Amino acid sequence: MQVVHQLVRAIVVLTAFQSVAAGTPAARPAPPEVNVYAAASLRDVLRQLAPVCEEAVGAHLVFNFGASNDLARQIEAGNKADVYFSADEAWMDHVARAGLVDSESRHSLLSNRLVVVGLKDTRLNVRSARDLVGPDVRRIALADPGAVPAGKYAKAWLEKAGLWDGIRDRVLPGIDVRAALAAVEAGGAEIGVVYRTDAAMSKRVRIVYEVPEAEGPRISYPVAAMRDRPRLDVARRVVACLSGPAPAATFEHYGFIVQGQPH
């Protein structure tokens, strides 16, 4: 009799377990991760846009921000980037020559402007590039002009103005444009040449001069999916999302110039 009771109890417990299990929804699979390697100047706007594109694409965006040249070398060395958003066409070309760029998704999406910044209370009056060679300017913060796009653009502007040779010894190079901005904020340089979008994010500096479009180099931000990746179709959809009308309004809110759509 005891055996019968134990058997009945076991059947009841098993039936109850099956009923609970049948009523429990299956766990959703985790969304795929898409690794986005993006220029440091895009940090704030892309973090703002991440939820929009994650919802639209059904993927989780994992960002790696840095200087475009460093990111290009990381990709070339085998780092698992799915999307590359550069601040410079030359570094996107560099990655493309290595056979790593999905040409179907590549396009130039954004532009920017160069500005000269100083601390909020600076008394420096900059009316033209020539004012940068004055005795009150001992240090000029730039992103590394030998490799980093923001620094290369700044150098090109100063070379065009015929001033580079006269101020190159005053240059305080940074690993990226945010480092150049931080140098001015910390008082390590009287002025810095950075992107307008980065200057707008700082509460400690102000723009003392905006480089006229006719005087500065053409600034271009290309974006592309990386080919031969297991999530290429998802990466292409991320690029398409970033190129859509809603993100365009956000890019413009942050001060970028939206210049292109995918072909």
Protein backbone atom coordinates (compact mmCIF):
# COMPACT_ATOMS: atom_id res chain seq x y z
CA MET A 1 0.00 0.00 0.00
CA GLN A 2 2.83 2.39 0.84
CA VAL A 3 4.35 1.73 -2.57
CA VAL A 4 1.05 2.66 -4.24
CA HIS A 5 0.87 5.95 -2.29
CA GLN A 6 4.45 6.83 -3.26
CA LEU A 7 3.68 6.07 -6.91
CA VAL A 8 0.56 8.23 -6.87
CA ARG A 9 2.48 11.09 -5.21
CA ALA A 10 5.21 10.87 -7.84
CA ILE A 11 2.64 11.03 -10.64
CA VAL A 12 0.98 14.09 -9.07
CA VAL A 13 4.32 15.90 -8.68
CA LEU A 14 5.36 15.08 -12.25
CA THR A 15 2.02 16.25 -13.63
CA ALA A 16 2.27 19.52 -11.72
CA PHE A 17 5.83 20.08 -12.97
CA GLN A 18 4.78 19.47 -16.56
CA SER A 19 1.87 21.90 -16.18
CA VAL A 20 4.17 24.64 -14.88
CA ALA A 21 6.76 23.95 -17.57
CA ALA A 22 4.10 24.09 -20.29
CA GLY A 23 2.98 27.50 -19.04
CA THR A 24 6.50 28.98 -18.95
CA PRO A 25 7.45 30.81 -22.16
CA ALA A 26 10.71 29.78 -23.78
CA ALA A 27 13.61 32.13 -23.06
CA ARG A 28 14.30 34.52 -25.93
CA PRO A 29 17.66 34.09 -27.60
CA ALA A 30 20.06 36.94 -26.92
CA PRO A 31 20.20 39.47 -29.78
CA PRO A 32 23.34 39.29 -31.93
CA GLU A 33 26.14 41.68 -31.04
CA VAL A 34 27.40 44.09 -33.68
CA ASN A 35 30.84 45.61 -32.99
CA VAL A 36 30.94 49.22 -34.16
CA TYR A 37 34.39 50.83 -34.40
CA ALA A 38 33.84 54.59 -34.53
CA ALA A 39 35.84 57.81 -34.42
CA ALA A 40 36.12 59.44 -30.99
CA SER A 41 34.22 62.51 -32.19
CA LEU A 42 31.15 60.29 -32.72
CA ARG A 43 31.03 58.99 -29.15
CA ASP A 44 28.15 61.08 -27.79
CA VAL A 45 25.88 61.01 -30.81
CA LEU A 46 26.24 57.26 -31.40
CA ARG A 47 25.47 56.49 -27.78
CA GLN A 48 22.35 58.59 -28.21
CA LEU A 49 21.39 56.70 -31.38
CA ALA A 50 22.21 53.19 -30.12
CA PRO A 51 18.74 52.38 -28.70
CA VAL A 52 17.08 53.53 -31.94
CA CYS A 53 19.15 51.24 -34.15
CA GLU A 54 19.15 48.37 -31.68
CA GLU A 55 15.35 48.39 -31.76
CA ALA A 56 15.21 48.76 -35.55
CA VAL A 57 17.77 46.06 -36.31
CA GLY A 58 17.23 43.67 -33.41
CA ALA A 59 20.89 43.66 -32.40
CA HIS A 60 23.02 44.89 -29.51
CA LEU A 61 25.59 47.50 -30.54
CA VAL A 62 29.00 47.26 -28.88
CA PHE A 63 31.11 50.38 -29.44
CA ASN A 64 34.86 50.82 -29.66
CA PHE A 65 35.67 54.53 -29.88
CA GLY A 66 39.09 55.92 -30.71
CA ALA A 67 41.23 57.67 -33.28
CA SER A 68 40.30 56.53 -36.78
CA ASN A 69 43.88 55.53 -37.55
CA ASP A 70 44.12 53.33 -34.44
CA LEU A 71 40.79 51.70 -35.24
CA ALA A 72 41.87 51.01 -38.82
CA ARG A 73 45.03 49.30 -37.61
CA GLN A 74 43.04 47.24 -35.11
CA ILE A 75 40.70 46.09 -37.88
CA GLU A 76 43.64 45.29 -40.14
CA ALA A 77 45.22 43.27 -37.32
CA GLY A 78 42.16 41.07 -37.07
CA ASN A 79 39.96 42.74 -34.46
CA LYS A 80 36.36 41.73 -34.96
CA ALA A 81 34.76 44.93 -36.21
CA ASP A 82 31.40 44.61 -37.96
CA VAL A 83 31.01 48.32 -38.77
CA TYR A 84 33.72 50.98 -39.20
CA PHE A 85 32.72 54.66 -38.93
CA SER A 86 35.81 56.74 -39.70
CA ALA A 87 36.42 60.49 -39.54
CA ASP A 88 38.67 60.24 -42.58
CA GLU A 89 38.29 58.79 -46.08
CA ALA A 90 42.00 57.93 -46.21
CA TRP A 91 41.77 55.47 -43.31
CA MET A 92 38.65 53.87 -44.76
CA ASP A 93 40.59 53.52 -48.02
CA HIS A 94 43.42 51.91 -46.06
CA VAL A 95 41.05 49.27 -44.68
CA ALA A 96 39.48 48.82 -48.13
CA ARG A 97 42.87 48.13 -49.71
CA ALA A 98 43.25 45.27 -47.24
CA GLY A 99 40.06 43.79 -48.67
CA LEU A 100 38.07 44.27 -45.47
CA VAL A 101 35.38 46.77 -46.51
CA ASP A 102 31.94 45.84 -47.80
CA SER A 103 31.83 48.22 -50.76
CA GLU A 104 28.06 47.82 -51.14
CA SER A 105 27.41 49.56 -47.82
CA ARG A 106 30.22 52.14 -47.85
CA HIS A 107 29.28 55.78 -48.23
CA SER A 108 30.28 59.18 -46.85
CA LEU A 109 27.60 60.09 -44.34
CA LEU A 110 28.77 63.14 -42.38
CA SER A 111 30.92 66.23 -42.45
CA ASN A 112 32.15 68.57 -39.71
CA ARG A 113 33.86 71.92 -39.22
CA LEU A 114 37.11 72.91 -37.55
CA VAL A 115 37.07 75.47 -34.75
CA VAL A 116 39.61 77.09 -32.46
CA VAL A 117 38.72 76.82 -28.78
CA GLY A 118 40.00 78.37 -25.57
CA LEU A 119 38.86 78.32 -21.96
CA LYS A 120 35.60 80.10 -21.19
CA ASP A 121 37.45 83.02 -19.62
CA THR A 122 40.17 83.34 -22.26
CA ARG A 123 41.00 86.85 -23.40
CA LEU A 124 42.47 85.67 -26.66
CA ASN A 125 40.91 87.33 -29.68
CA VAL A 126 41.25 85.17 -32.79
CA ARG A 127 40.03 86.83 -35.98
CA SER A 128 42.06 84.73 -38.42
CA ALA A 129 44.58 81.91 -38.54
CA ARG A 130 47.41 84.43 -38.23
CA ASP A 131 46.39 85.27 -34.68
CA LEU A 132 47.56 81.80 -33.65
CA VAL A 133 51.20 82.84 -34.01
CA GLY A 134 50.93 85.64 -31.44
CA PRO A 135 53.08 85.68 -28.28
CA ASP A 136 50.09 84.86 -26.06
CA VAL A 137 49.75 81.44 -27.68
CA ARG A 138 52.49 79.20 -26.32
CA ARG A 139 50.82 75.81 -26.81
CA ILE A 140 48.26 74.68 -29.39
CA ALA A 141 46.48 71.39 -28.74
CA LEU A 142 45.78 69.21 -31.77
CA ALA A 143 45.03 65.58 -32.32
CA ASP A 144 48.23 63.94 -33.60
CA PRO A 145 48.72 65.73 -36.96
CA GLY A 146 50.75 62.85 -38.33
CA ALA A 147 47.96 60.29 -38.20
CA VAL A 148 44.71 61.31 -36.49
CA PRO A 149 42.11 62.81 -38.87
CA ALA A 150 41.28 65.86 -36.73
CA GLY A 151 44.98 66.68 -36.45
CA LYS A 152 45.57 66.10 -40.16
CA TYR A 153 42.70 68.42 -41.02
CA ALA A 154 44.05 71.09 -38.66
CA LYS A 155 47.53 70.79 -40.12
CA ALA A 156 46.16 71.06 -43.66
CA TRP A 157 44.34 74.27 -42.71
CA LEU A 158 47.45 75.79 -41.14
CA GLU A 159 49.63 74.73 -44.07
CA LYS A 160 47.21 76.36 -46.49
CA ALA A 161 47.43 79.54 -44.41
CA GLY A 162 51.25 79.35 -44.57
CA LEU A 163 51.57 79.07 -40.79
CA TRP A 164 52.42 75.46 -40.05
CA ASP A 165 56.21 75.79 -40.03
CA GLY A 166 55.95 78.73 -37.64
CA ILE A 167 53.81 76.98 -35.04
CA ARG A 168 54.67 73.29 -35.32
CA ASP A 169 56.99 73.54 -32.30
CA ARG A 170 54.09 74.83 -30.20
CA VAL A 171 51.83 71.90 -31.02
CA LEU A 172 50.73 69.66 -28.16
CA PRO A 173 49.60 66.43 -29.89
CA GLY A 174 46.86 64.21 -28.48
CA ILE A 175 45.92 60.62 -29.21
CA ASP A 176 42.56 61.78 -30.59
CA VAL A 177 40.43 64.91 -30.84
CA ARG A 178 38.92 64.42 -27.39
CA ALA A 179 42.42 64.38 -25.90
CA ALA A 180 43.19 67.68 -27.63
CA LEU A 181 40.02 69.18 -26.21
CA ALA A 182 40.89 67.85 -22.74
CA ALA A 183 44.32 69.51 -22.95
CA VAL A 184 42.67 72.91 -23.35
CA GLU A 185 40.16 72.17 -20.59
CA ALA A 186 43.02 71.28 -18.24
CA GLY A 187 45.01 74.41 -19.10
CA GLY A 188 47.79 72.53 -20.87
CA ALA A 189 47.33 74.66 -23.98
CA GLU A 190 45.94 78.15 -24.49
CA ILE A 191 43.99 77.06 -27.54
CA GLY A 192 43.12 73.93 -29.46
CA VAL A 193 41.88 73.13 -32.94
CA VAL A 194 39.08 70.59 -32.75
CA TYR A 195 35.81 69.71 -34.42
CA ARG A 196 32.87 72.00 -33.84
CA THR A 197 30.86 69.04 -32.54
CA ASP A 198 33.42 68.30 -29.81
CA ALA A 199 33.62 71.94 -28.75
CA ALA A 200 29.84 71.98 -28.34
CA MET A 201 30.01 69.11 -25.84
CA SER A 202 32.37 70.91 -23.46
CA LYS A 203 31.22 73.20 -20.66
CA ARG A 204 34.75 74.50 -20.02
CA VAL A 205 35.73 75.90 -23.41
CA ARG A 206 34.26 78.28 -25.92
CA ILE A 207 34.75 78.69 -29.64
CA VAL A 208 36.97 81.69 -30.35
CA TYR A 209 37.17 81.15 -34.11
CA GLU A 210 35.36 78.99 -36.64
CA VAL A 211 37.45 78.04 -39.65
CA PRO A 212 35.62 79.23 -42.79
CA GLU A 213 34.58 76.39 -45.06
CA ALA A 214 36.55 77.87 -47.94
CA GLU A 215 39.76 77.88 -45.86
CA GLY A 216 39.54 74.46 -44.26
CA PRO A 217 39.95 70.99 -45.77
CA ARG A 218 36.96 68.88 -46.73
CA ILE A 219 36.03 66.77 -43.71
CA SER A 220 34.29 63.49 -44.46
CA TYR A 221 33.04 60.64 -42.26
CA PRO A 222 32.62 57.40 -44.24
CA VAL A 223 30.82 54.40 -42.77
CA ALA A 224 30.75 50.79 -43.96
CA ALA A 225 30.11 47.24 -42.88
CA MET A 226 33.13 44.97 -42.81
CA ARG A 227 33.04 42.09 -45.28
CA ASP A 228 33.54 38.39 -44.52
CA ARG A 229 31.97 38.73 -41.09
CA PRO A 230 29.36 36.23 -39.84
CA ARG A 231 26.85 39.04 -39.21
CA LEU A 232 27.36 40.99 -42.44
CA ASP A 233 23.62 41.24 -43.15
CA VAL A 234 22.99 42.64 -39.66
CA ALA A 235 25.95 45.06 -39.99
CA ARG A 236 24.53 46.33 -43.28
CA ARG A 237 21.21 46.99 -41.57
CA VAL A 238 23.01 48.94 -38.82
CA VAL A 239 24.68 51.11 -41.47
CA ALA A 240 21.31 51.61 -43.15
CA CYS A 241 19.74 52.59 -39.84
CA LEU A 242 22.45 55.16 -39.09
CA SER A 243 21.84 56.60 -42.57
CA GLY A 244 18.10 57.03 -42.05
CA PRO A 245 16.08 60.23 -41.59
CA ALA A 246 15.61 59.98 -37.81
CA PRO A 247 19.35 59.57 -37.06
CA ALA A 248 20.04 62.39 -39.55
CA ALA A 249 18.10 64.79 -37.34
CA THR A 250 20.09 63.62 -34.31
CA PHE A 251 23.41 64.03 -36.12
CA GLU A 252 22.41 67.58 -37.06
CA HIS A 253 21.35 68.30 -33.48
CA TYR A 254 24.89 67.42 -32.39
CA GLY A 255 26.33 69.78 -35.01
CA PHE A 256 27.29 67.35 -37.78
CA ILE A 257 26.54 68.03 -41.42
CA VAL A 258 24.67 65.14 -43.03
CA GLN A 259 26.03 64.82 -46.53
CA GLY A 260 25.12 61.46 -48.02
CA GLN A 261 22.90 58.42 -48.24
CA PRO A 262 23.82 54.89 -49.36
CA HIS A 263 23.86 54.29 -53.09
